[in-house]
């Protein structure tokens, strides 16, 4: 009877996990890709909208042009000018802007099929047209003589962003450029692998301390659970006894968080460098003067993949498997202790920590797989190498603390 009840509770946990996962994935997709996963529109005609009403300086402004009519929309080729007319707005003054050049080759948008939408990427003109902080108006002229407009603004980066760029993003991007410059063929794929390994080696010691601290916490978790049950009506006594156990086993719960807090900004910076820095022409604001006039460009083809395009069928499932293995190793000791309790005839009670572990074990890999479908393969390559390194490091920790 107890086994049936536990299986039923586990089933309910799985249902709850996947419901939460579905909601989180849908929310994340709408945050990262609003144009692809937005809610259905009830508008008619031709609609021009910004994907973000405000864009941080030096980031790419994106517009969405959607054709709700029953006829294909034919547009003129405006290259080397933007596909839409851009004007700078200062109060009542609207000043038309003309491009003096593009950072990357202009790709014209000459048609939008009936019922479809296209993304207008204004990044080629981020330095020549959209270089000022302030309000902008984008206007497109339709074949019937009508014109539709939309407004967006560009704001300056704050002090935190400037510090983050100065001490993390810029050094990492320029290190990537340096590595690529000495690699035969200037392979972006090999450079990403080398840079990722270098960063993981740099963070090896703090990461190791954090993982070892986590293992110690997992080891004393049964004692902490017993305290919760014994002193559930006496929070003060429970806190005192918890502190005694931490001191007895020389465990500092904050020690496992501190290394993560140290390495997190670096890993986030590396992620954005890989995602956005593969096109050097669009990263001028992050490149040191010594690399401003490069005579080469990244070789973006690697093992048959175009690293600038998403890999739908290879990297996403591979990352799901690798991330699952990493989570499995991370929770190995907790699972081992649960199995020992079952062998002893004790039925472990479902708790919040166990449910969170299951969410991490199954939810995180699936979420990463979803995002890998949309992110460039360069990001997936970085994440795969980073996860392989993390698996090896977790395996070493498990062996030491076994």
Protein backbone atom coordinates (compact mmCIF):
# COMPACT_ATOMS: atom_id res chain seq x y z
CA UNK A 1 0.00 0.00 0.00
CA UNK A 2 2.82 2.36 0.89
CA UNK A 3 4.59 1.55 -2.41
CA UNK A 4 1.45 2.39 -4.40
CA UNK A 5 1.05 5.63 -2.48
CA UNK A 6 4.68 6.59 -3.14
CA UNK A 7 4.36 5.78 -6.84
CA UNK A 8 1.23 7.90 -7.00
CA UNK A 9 3.03 10.79 -5.29
CA UNK A 10 5.96 10.45 -7.68
CA UNK A 11 3.53 10.52 -10.62
CA UNK A 12 1.99 13.70 -9.27
CA UNK A 13 5.47 15.17 -8.91
CA UNK A 14 6.31 14.39 -12.52
CA UNK A 15 3.05 15.97 -13.71
CA UNK A 16 3.79 19.08 -11.65
CA UNK A 17 7.37 19.21 -12.93
CA UNK A 18 6.35 19.11 -16.57
CA UNK A 19 3.55 21.61 -16.08
CA UNK A 20 6.00 24.04 -14.47
CA UNK A 21 8.55 23.26 -17.17
CA UNK A 22 6.03 23.96 -19.94
CA UNK A 23 5.11 27.30 -18.42
CA UNK A 24 8.77 28.28 -17.95
CA UNK A 25 9.69 27.27 -21.50
CA UNK A 26 6.77 29.19 -22.98
CA UNK A 27 7.66 32.24 -20.89
CA UNK A 28 11.32 31.98 -21.85
CA UNK A 29 10.59 31.62 -25.55
CA UNK A 30 8.33 34.65 -25.49
CA UNK A 31 11.01 36.66 -23.68
CA UNK A 32 13.86 35.63 -25.99
CA UNK A 33 11.91 35.31 -29.25
CA UNK A 34 8.80 37.52 -29.04
CA UNK A 35 8.33 37.69 -32.79
CA UNK A 36 8.29 33.89 -33.23
CA UNK A 37 6.31 32.96 -30.14
CA UNK A 38 4.07 35.94 -29.53
CA UNK A 39 0.37 35.70 -29.10
CA UNK A 40 -1.89 35.61 -32.11
CA UNK A 41 -2.67 39.02 -33.50
CA UNK A 42 -6.12 40.25 -34.47
CA UNK A 43 -4.79 43.11 -36.58
CA UNK A 44 -5.43 43.58 -40.29
CA UNK A 45 -3.54 45.15 -43.16
CA UNK A 46 0.21 45.63 -42.98
CA UNK A 47 1.73 46.11 -39.52
CA UNK A 48 5.19 47.41 -38.64
CA UNK A 49 6.26 47.06 -35.01
CA UNK A 50 9.54 47.08 -33.05
CA UNK A 51 10.43 43.82 -31.31
CA UNK A 52 11.59 45.95 -28.37
CA UNK A 53 10.36 49.48 -27.73
CA UNK A 54 13.73 50.42 -26.19
CA UNK A 55 17.09 49.07 -27.33
CA UNK A 56 20.35 49.37 -25.41
CA UNK A 57 23.07 51.29 -27.22
CA UNK A 58 25.25 49.16 -29.56
CA UNK A 59 22.65 46.40 -29.58
CA UNK A 60 20.69 45.51 -32.69
CA UNK A 61 17.29 47.08 -33.30
CA UNK A 62 14.79 44.62 -34.78
CA UNK A 63 11.45 45.37 -36.42
CA UNK A 64 8.65 43.03 -37.45
CA UNK A 65 6.78 43.60 -40.70
CA UNK A 66 3.63 41.49 -40.91
CA UNK A 67 1.33 41.17 -43.90
CA UNK A 68 -2.24 40.39 -42.82
CA UNK A 69 -3.64 40.99 -46.31
CA UNK A 70 -4.49 38.32 -48.88
CA UNK A 71 -1.96 39.59 -51.40
CA UNK A 72 1.82 39.44 -51.45
CA UNK A 73 3.48 42.69 -50.46
CA UNK A 74 6.10 43.85 -52.97
CA UNK A 75 8.72 46.32 -51.72
CA UNK A 76 11.52 48.22 -53.47
CA UNK A 77 15.17 47.30 -52.99
CA UNK A 78 16.50 50.17 -50.83
CA UNK A 79 20.08 48.91 -50.34
CA UNK A 80 22.45 50.32 -49.20
CA UNK A 81 19.81 52.27 -47.22
CA UNK A 82 17.78 50.44 -44.55
CA UNK A 83 14.64 48.56 -45.72
CA UNK A 84 12.64 51.22 -43.85
CA UNK A 85 13.18 54.96 -43.78
CA UNK A 86 14.73 56.01 -40.45
CA UNK A 87 14.27 59.42 -38.83
CA UNK A 88 15.58 60.87 -35.57
CA UNK A 89 12.83 62.34 -33.38
CA UNK A 90 13.46 65.30 -31.06
CA UNK A 91 10.16 66.61 -29.75
CA UNK A 92 8.34 68.01 -32.78
CA UNK A 93 11.40 67.78 -35.01
CA UNK A 94 11.70 64.70 -37.20
CA UNK A 95 15.03 64.52 -39.07
CA UNK A 96 15.38 61.93 -41.87
CA UNK A 97 18.65 59.98 -41.70
CA UNK A 98 20.76 58.69 -44.55
CA UNK A 99 23.20 55.81 -44.29
CA UNK A 100 26.86 56.50 -44.99
CA UNK A 101 27.68 52.79 -45.07
CA UNK A 102 26.83 49.43 -43.59
CA UNK A 103 28.76 47.34 -41.07
CA UNK A 104 27.81 44.16 -42.93
CA UNK A 105 26.40 43.71 -46.46
CA UNK A 106 22.87 44.94 -46.92
CA UNK A 107 20.26 42.23 -47.55
CA UNK A 108 17.16 43.70 -49.24
CA UNK A 109 13.62 42.81 -48.25
CA UNK A 110 11.61 42.93 -51.47
CA UNK A 111 8.51 40.91 -50.62
CA UNK A 112 6.36 39.63 -47.77
CA UNK A 113 3.95 36.85 -48.63
CA UNK A 114 0.30 37.09 -47.67
CA UNK A 115 -0.24 36.09 -44.05
CA UNK A 116 3.46 36.01 -43.25
CA UNK A 117 5.89 38.25 -41.39
CA UNK A 118 9.55 39.08 -41.69
CA UNK A 119 12.11 40.44 -39.26
CA UNK A 120 13.88 43.61 -40.31
CA UNK A 121 17.33 43.56 -38.75
CA UNK A 122 18.79 47.07 -38.54
CA UNK A 123 22.17 45.91 -37.20
CA UNK A 124 24.03 46.77 -40.47
CA UNK A 125 23.19 50.42 -39.75
CA UNK A 126 23.83 50.37 -35.97
CA UNK A 127 26.89 52.62 -36.36
CA UNK A 128 26.00 54.74 -39.39
CA UNK A 129 22.31 55.52 -38.74
CA UNK A 130 21.43 54.39 -35.22
CA UNK A 131 24.53 55.61 -33.43
CA UNK A 132 22.82 58.32 -31.37
CA UNK A 133 20.95 57.94 -28.11
CA UNK A 134 17.34 59.00 -28.45
CA UNK A 135 14.04 58.32 -30.23
CA UNK A 136 13.70 57.00 -33.77
CA UNK A 137 10.87 56.55 -36.24
CA UNK A 138 10.83 53.82 -38.87
CA UNK A 139 8.55 54.30 -41.88
CA UNK A 140 7.78 52.04 -44.80
CA UNK A 141 5.97 53.12 -47.96
CA UNK A 142 3.43 50.65 -49.35
CA UNK A 143 2.67 50.13 -53.06
CA UNK A 144 -0.77 51.73 -52.65
CA UNK A 145 0.83 55.01 -51.56
CA UNK A 146 0.19 54.59 -47.85
CA UNK A 147 2.97 54.81 -45.29
CA UNK A 148 3.08 53.09 -41.92
CA UNK A 149 5.39 54.07 -39.09
CA UNK A 150 6.52 52.84 -35.72
CA UNK A 151 8.68 54.40 -33.02
CA UNK A 152 11.45 52.96 -30.89
CA UNK A 153 14.26 54.39 -28.83
CA UNK A 154 17.91 53.69 -28.13
CA UNK A 155 19.20 54.32 -24.62
CA UNK A 156 22.73 54.46 -23.30
CA UNK A 157 24.21 51.57 -21.32
CA UNK A 158 24.23 52.06 -17.55
CA UNK A 159 27.26 51.94 -15.27
CA UNK A 160 26.87 48.21 -14.60
CA UNK A 161 26.80 47.43 -18.33
CA UNK A 162 29.86 49.60 -18.95
CA UNK A 163 31.77 47.83 -16.16
CA UNK A 164 30.64 44.43 -17.41
CA UNK A 165 31.83 45.27 -20.92
CA UNK A 166 35.13 46.74 -19.74
CA UNK A 167 36.18 43.88 -17.47
CA UNK A 168 34.44 40.82 -18.90
CA UNK A 169 32.95 41.09 -22.39
CA UNK A 170 35.75 43.06 -24.04
CA UNK A 171 38.62 40.96 -22.63
CA UNK A 172 36.86 37.72 -23.57
CA UNK A 173 36.03 38.85 -27.10
CA UNK A 174 39.55 40.12 -27.74
CA UNK A 175 40.98 36.90 -26.30
CA UNK A 176 38.77 35.02 -28.78
CA UNK A 177 40.15 37.19 -31.59
CA UNK A 178 43.73 36.56 -30.43
CA UNK A 179 43.18 32.79 -30.30
CA UNK A 180 41.59 32.82 -33.75
CA UNK A 181 44.46 34.88 -35.17
CA UNK A 182 47.00 32.15 -34.32
CA UNK A 183 44.83 29.16 -35.32
CA UNK A 184 45.36 27.97 -38.92
CA UNK A 185 42.39 28.89 -41.05
CA UNK A 186 41.03 31.22 -38.35
CA UNK A 187 38.48 28.58 -37.34
CA UNK A 188 35.78 30.00 -35.09
CA UNK A 189 34.86 26.49 -33.91
CA UNK A 190 38.37 25.64 -32.70
CA UNK A 191 38.69 29.09 -31.13
CA UNK A 192 35.46 28.60 -29.17
CA UNK A 193 36.67 25.23 -27.88
CA UNK A 194 40.05 26.66 -26.80
CA UNK A 195 38.50 29.76 -25.19
CA UNK A 196 35.88 27.71 -23.33
CA UNK A 197 38.51 25.32 -21.94
CA UNK A 198 40.75 28.24 -20.91
CA UNK A 199 37.88 29.91 -19.04
CA UNK A 200 36.84 26.65 -17.37
CA UNK A 201 40.45 26.05 -16.27
CA UNK A 202 40.59 29.59 -14.89
CA UNK A 203 37.43 28.87 -12.88
CA UNK A 204 38.46 25.32 -11.95
CA UNK A 205 39.46 25.94 -8.32
CA UNK A 206 36.45 28.05 -7.27
CA UNK A 207 34.14 25.65 -9.09
CA UNK A 208 35.80 22.69 -7.39
CA UNK A 209 35.35 24.21 -3.94
CA UNK A 210 31.71 24.91 -4.69
CA UNK A 211 31.05 21.34 -5.88
CA UNK A 212 32.81 19.83 -2.86
CA UNK A 213 30.78 22.03 -0.54
CA UNK A 214 27.58 20.90 -2.25
CA UNK A 215 28.55 17.27 -1.75
CA UNK A 216 29.14 17.90 1.98
CA UNK A 217 25.73 19.52 2.26
CA UNK A 218 24.13 16.53 0.53
CA UNK A 219 25.92 14.20 2.94
CA UNK A 220 24.44 15.86 6.05
CA UNK A 221 21.01 16.45 4.49
CA UNK A 222 19.41 13.46 6.29
CA UNK A 223 20.46 14.93 9.65
CA UNK A 224 19.03 18.31 8.66
CA UNK A 225 15.77 16.65 7.57
CA UNK A 226 15.57 14.89 10.94
CA UNK A 227 16.01 18.24 12.70
CA UNK A 228 13.17 19.75 10.68
CA UNK A 229 10.88 16.94 11.76
CA UNK A 230 12.02 17.04 15.40
CA UNK A 231 11.84 20.81 15.89
CA UNK A 232 9.17 21.77 13.37
CA UNK A 233 7.32 23.68 16.10
CA UNK A 234 10.43 25.38 17.46
CA UNK A 235 12.15 27.35 14.65
CA UNK A 236 14.71 28.92 16.98
CA UNK A 237 15.88 25.56 18.36
CA UNK A 238 15.94 24.10 14.85
CA UNK A 239 18.20 26.94 13.70
CA UNK A 240 20.53 26.43 16.68
CA UNK A 241 20.81 22.69 16.06
CA UNK A 242 21.35 23.26 12.35
CA UNK A 243 24.25 25.60 13.09
CA UNK A 244 25.74 22.93 15.40
CA UNK A 245 25.64 20.33 12.61
CA UNK A 246 27.22 22.75 10.13
CA UNK A 247 30.01 23.47 12.64
CA UNK A 248 30.49 19.80 13.53
CA UNK A 249 30.93 18.78 9.90
CA UNK A 250 32.80 21.97 8.95
CA UNK A 251 30.21 22.91 6.35
CA UNK A 252 29.49 26.46 5.28
CA UNK A 253 26.35 26.53 3.09
CA UNK A 254 27.38 29.89 1.64
CA UNK A 255 30.68 28.41 0.50
CA UNK A 256 28.87 26.49 -2.24
CA UNK A 257 27.20 29.69 -3.50
CA UNK A 258 30.20 32.03 -3.46
CA UNK A 259 32.20 30.28 -6.22
CA UNK A 260 29.08 30.24 -8.38
CA UNK A 261 28.58 33.97 -7.85
CA UNK A 262 32.22 34.57 -8.80
CA UNK A 263 32.13 32.58 -12.01
CA UNK A 264 28.60 33.43 -13.13
CA UNK A 265 29.43 36.88 -14.62
CA UNK A 266 32.35 35.37 -16.56
CA UNK A 267 30.22 32.54 -17.95
CA UNK A 268 27.44 34.98 -18.88
CA UNK A 269 29.99 37.24 -20.58
CA UNK A 270 31.42 34.27 -22.47
CA UNK A 271 27.91 33.29 -23.59
CA UNK A 272 27.24 36.76 -25.04
CA UNK A 273 30.69 36.89 -26.65
CA UNK A 274 30.02 33.62 -28.47
CA UNK A 275 26.47 34.62 -29.37
CA UNK A 276 27.11 38.18 -30.56
CA UNK A 277 30.84 38.40 -31.24
CA UNK A 278 31.03 35.99 -34.17
CA UNK A 279 30.42 38.94 -36.51
CA UNK A 280 33.31 41.28 -35.76
CA UNK A 281 31.87 44.00 -37.96
CA UNK A 282 28.94 44.31 -35.55
CA UNK A 283 31.17 44.28 -32.45
CA UNK A 284 33.39 47.29 -33.15
CA UNK A 285 32.47 48.87 -29.82
CA UNK A 286 33.99 45.86 -28.00
CA UNK A 287 37.20 45.43 -30.01
CA UNK A 288 40.51 46.84 -28.81
CA UNK A 289 42.26 49.27 -31.22
CA UNK A 290 44.94 46.70 -32.09
CA UNK A 291 42.28 44.48 -33.68
CA UNK A 292 40.19 47.19 -35.35
CA UNK A 293 41.79 46.65 -38.78
CA UNK A 294 41.86 42.88 -39.18
CA UNK A 295 42.75 41.42 -42.57
CA UNK A 296 40.87 38.18 -41.87
CA UNK A 297 37.43 37.07 -40.73
CA UNK A 298 36.16 34.08 -38.76
CA UNK A 299 35.91 30.76 -40.60
CA UNK A 300 32.43 29.89 -39.41
CA UNK A 301 32.16 26.43 -40.99
CA UNK A 302 33.06 23.73 -38.46
CA UNK A 303 32.51 19.96 -38.77
CA UNK A 304 29.89 20.57 -41.42
CA UNK A 305 27.96 23.14 -39.35
CA UNK A 306 27.50 26.82 -40.07
CA UNK A 307 28.19 28.20 -36.60
CA UNK A 308 26.17 31.34 -37.31
CA UNK A 309 22.99 29.32 -37.94
CA UNK A 310 21.01 27.17 -35.48
CA UNK A 311 21.54 23.41 -35.55
CA UNK A 312 18.10 21.90 -35.15
CA UNK A 313 18.74 18.15 -35.40
CA UNK A 314 22.20 17.59 -33.88
CA UNK A 315 23.14 20.01 -31.12
CA UNK A 316 19.78 20.30 -29.25
CA UNK A 317 19.39 16.54 -28.50
CA UNK A 318 23.12 16.26 -27.81
CA UNK A 319 22.96 19.10 -25.28
CA UNK A 320 19.90 17.54 -23.63
CA UNK A 321 21.82 14.29 -23.09
CA UNK A 322 24.99 16.01 -21.85
CA UNK A 323 23.09 18.29 -19.45
CA UNK A 324 21.09 15.33 -18.15
CA UNK A 325 24.33 13.43 -17.45
CA UNK A 326 25.76 16.41 -15.60
CA UNK A 327 22.63 16.75 -13.45
CA UNK A 328 22.60 12.99 -12.86
CA UNK A 329 26.16 13.11 -11.55
CA UNK A 330 25.40 16.18 -9.42
CA UNK A 331 22.51 14.39 -7.66
CA UNK A 332 24.18 10.97 -7.54
CA UNK A 333 24.87 11.00 -3.79
CA UNK A 334 21.32 12.07 -2.92
CA UNK A 335 19.93 9.23 -5.04
CA UNK A 336 22.35 6.77 -3.43
CA UNK A 337 21.18 7.74 0.06
CA UNK A 338 17.54 7.39 -0.97
CA UNK A 339 18.23 3.89 -2.30
CA UNK A 340 19.99 2.97 0.96
CA UNK A 341 16.92 4.06 2.91
CA UNK A 342 14.67 1.90 0.73
CA UNK A 343 16.94 -1.12 1.28
CA UNK A 344 16.69 -0.55 5.02
CA UNK A 345 12.90 -0.63 4.73
CA UNK A 346 12.46 3.09 5.29
CA UNK A 347 10.28 4.91 2.77
CA UNK A 348 11.77 8.37 2.08
CA UNK A 349 9.14 11.05 2.19
CA UNK A 350 8.68 13.27 -0.87
CA UNK A 351 9.97 16.73 -0.04
CA UNK A 352 10.55 20.06 -1.72
CA UNK A 353 14.28 19.44 -2.21
CA UNK A 354 13.64 16.15 -4.01
CA UNK A 355 11.09 17.78 -6.28
CA UNK A 356 13.49 20.62 -7.08
CA UNK A 357 16.16 18.07 -7.97
CA UNK A 358 13.78 16.32 -10.34
CA UNK A 359 12.90 19.62 -11.96
CA UNK A 360 16.59 20.33 -12.46
CA UNK A 361 17.29 16.78 -13.65
CA UNK A 362 14.58 16.73 -16.30
CA UNK A 363 13.63 20.36 -16.75
CA UNK A 364 16.97 22.08 -17.26
CA UNK A 365 18.19 19.76 -20.06
CA UNK A 366 14.91 20.14 -21.94
CA UNK A 367 14.97 23.93 -21.60
CA UNK A 368 18.54 24.08 -22.90
CA UNK A 369 17.53 21.85 -25.80
CA UNK A 370 14.63 24.21 -26.63
CA UNK A 371 16.89 27.26 -26.61
CA UNK A 372 19.55 25.47 -28.68
CA UNK A 373 17.03 25.15 -31.50
CA UNK A 374 17.02 28.94 -31.88
CA UNK A 375 20.53 29.99 -30.83
CA UNK A 376 23.42 29.88 -33.34
CA UNK A 377 25.39 26.63 -33.41
CA UNK A 378 28.38 28.57 -32.03
CA UNK A 379 26.51 28.95 -28.72
CA UNK A 380 25.60 25.25 -28.72
CA UNK A 381 29.24 24.33 -29.33
CA UNK A 382 30.32 26.48 -26.39
CA UNK A 383 27.64 24.98 -24.13
CA UNK A 384 28.51 21.44 -25.18
CA UNK A 385 32.23 21.86 -24.46
CA UNK A 386 31.46 23.60 -21.17
CA UNK A 387 29.09 20.80 -20.12
CA UNK A 388 31.62 18.09 -21.02
CA UNK A 389 34.18 19.86 -18.83
CA UNK A 390 31.62 20.13 -16.02
CA UNK A 391 30.81 16.40 -16.29
CA UNK A 392 34.49 15.51 -15.94
CA UNK A 393 34.89 17.87 -12.97
CA UNK A 394 31.76 16.52 -11.25
CA UNK A 395 33.02 12.97 -11.77
CA UNK A 396 36.29 13.86 -10.05
CA UNK A 397 34.40 15.39 -7.10
CA UNK A 398 32.16 12.33 -6.79
CA UNK A 399 35.18 10.02 -6.73
CA UNK A 400 36.92 12.10 -4.05
CA UNK A 401 33.89 12.33 -1.78
CA UNK A 402 32.59 8.80 -2.34
